[in-house]
Amino acid sequence: MLLENFEEWDKMMPIVLICLYRLASLIKMFEISSVSISNTLERFNFNIMCQ
């Protein structure tokens, strides 16, 4: 019983790892883009206040 489950887990493990890796890279991309968006907004507000 345990061995069968272990073999199933062994087959699924690479898929799980790939999904986790993709999720992590998506989160990282989202963090980077949100940081750059907020930086752009800050610069935009700064330019408006300077004018």
C-alpha atoms as a PDB file:
ATOM      1  CA  MET A   1       0.000   0.000   0.000  1.00  0.00           C
ATOM      2  CA  LEU A   2       2.638   2.500   1.028  1.00  0.00           C
ATOM      3  CA  LEU A   3       4.945   1.498  -1.813  1.00  0.00           C
ATOM      4  CA  GLU A   4       2.195   1.992  -4.392  1.00  0.00           C
ATOM      5  CA  ASN A   5       1.462   5.442  -3.031  1.00  0.00           C
ATOM      6  CA  PHE A   6       5.155   6.235  -3.015  1.00  0.00           C
ATOM      7  CA  GLU A   7       5.464   5.275  -6.692  1.00  0.00           C
ATOM      8  CA  GLU A   8       2.470   7.460  -7.561  1.00  0.00           C
ATOM      9  CA  TRP A   9       4.032  10.337  -5.618  1.00  0.00           C
ATOM     10  CA  ASP A  10       7.318   9.680  -7.418  1.00  0.00           C
ATOM     11  CA  LYS A  11       5.536  10.106 -10.754  1.00  0.00           C
ATOM     12  CA  MET A  12       3.718  13.248  -9.655  1.00  0.00           C
ATOM     13  CA  MET A  13       6.655  14.922  -7.919  1.00  0.00           C
ATOM     14  CA  PRO A  14       8.227  16.496 -11.061  1.00  0.00           C
ATOM     15  CA  ILE A  15       4.836  17.900 -12.089  1.00  0.00           C
ATOM     16  CA  VAL A  16       4.307  19.358  -8.623  1.00  0.00           C
ATOM     17  CA  LEU A  17       7.782  20.893  -8.638  1.00  0.00           C
ATOM     18  CA  ILE A  18       7.269  22.415 -12.081  1.00  0.00           C
ATOM     19  CA  CYS A  19       3.926  23.881 -11.004  1.00  0.00           C
ATOM     20  CA  LEU A  20       5.459  25.346  -7.838  1.00  0.00           C
ATOM     21  CA  TYR A  21       8.389  26.757  -9.819  1.00  0.00           C
ATOM     22  CA  ARG A  22       6.053  28.393 -12.352  1.00  0.00           C
ATOM     23  CA  LEU A  23       3.910  29.799  -9.567  1.00  0.00           C
ATOM     24  CA  ALA A  24       6.977  31.235  -7.833  1.00  0.00           C
ATOM     25  CA  SER A  25       8.255  32.832 -11.043  1.00  0.00           C
ATOM     26  CA  LEU A  26       4.802  34.294 -11.727  1.00  0.00           C
ATOM     27  CA  ILE A  27       4.719  35.783  -8.229  1.00  0.00           C
ATOM     28  CA  LYS A  28       8.233  37.195  -8.711  1.00  0.00           C
ATOM     29  CA  MET A  29       7.264  38.708 -12.069  1.00  0.00           C
ATOM     30  CA  PHE A  30       4.153  40.219 -10.481  1.00  0.00           C
ATOM     31  CA  GLU A  31       6.203  41.691  -7.613  1.00  0.00           C
ATOM     32  CA  ILE A  32       8.726  43.194 -10.049  1.00  0.00           C
ATOM     33  CA  SER A  33       6.009  44.653 -12.278  1.00  0.00           C
ATOM     34  CA  SER A  34       4.048  46.075  -9.327  1.00  0.00           C
ATOM     35  CA  VAL A  35       7.230  47.667  -7.933  1.00  0.00           C
ATOM     36  CA  SER A  36       8.044  49.249 -11.300  1.00  0.00           C
ATOM     37  CA  ILE A  37       4.433  50.434 -11.665  1.00  0.00           C
ATOM     38  CA  SER A  38       4.506  52.069  -8.239  1.00  0.00           C
ATOM     39  CA  ASN A  39       7.889  53.674  -9.031  1.00  0.00           C
ATOM     40  CA  THR A  40       6.460  55.029 -12.282  1.00  0.00           C
ATOM     41  CA  LEU A  41       3.425  56.402 -10.451  1.00  0.00           C
ATOM     42  CA  GLU A  42       5.648  58.073  -7.851  1.00  0.00           C
ATOM     43  CA  ARG A  43       7.714  59.723 -10.586  1.00  0.00           C
ATOM     44  CA  PHE A  44       4.536  60.777 -12.356  1.00  0.00           C
ATOM     45  CA  ASN A  45       3.147  62.381  -9.180  1.00  0.00           C
ATOM     46  CA  PHE A  46       6.513  64.031  -8.515  1.00  0.00           C
ATOM     47  CA  ASN A  47       6.530  65.526 -12.029  1.00  0.00           C
ATOM     48  CA  ILE A  48       2.994  66.854 -11.569  1.00  0.00           C
ATOM     49  CA  MET A  49       3.905  68.469  -8.242  1.00  0.00           C
ATOM     50  CA  CYS A  50       7.030  70.042  -9.737  1.00  0.00           C
ATOM     51  CA  GLN A  51       5.054  71.667 -12.536  1.00  0.00           C
END
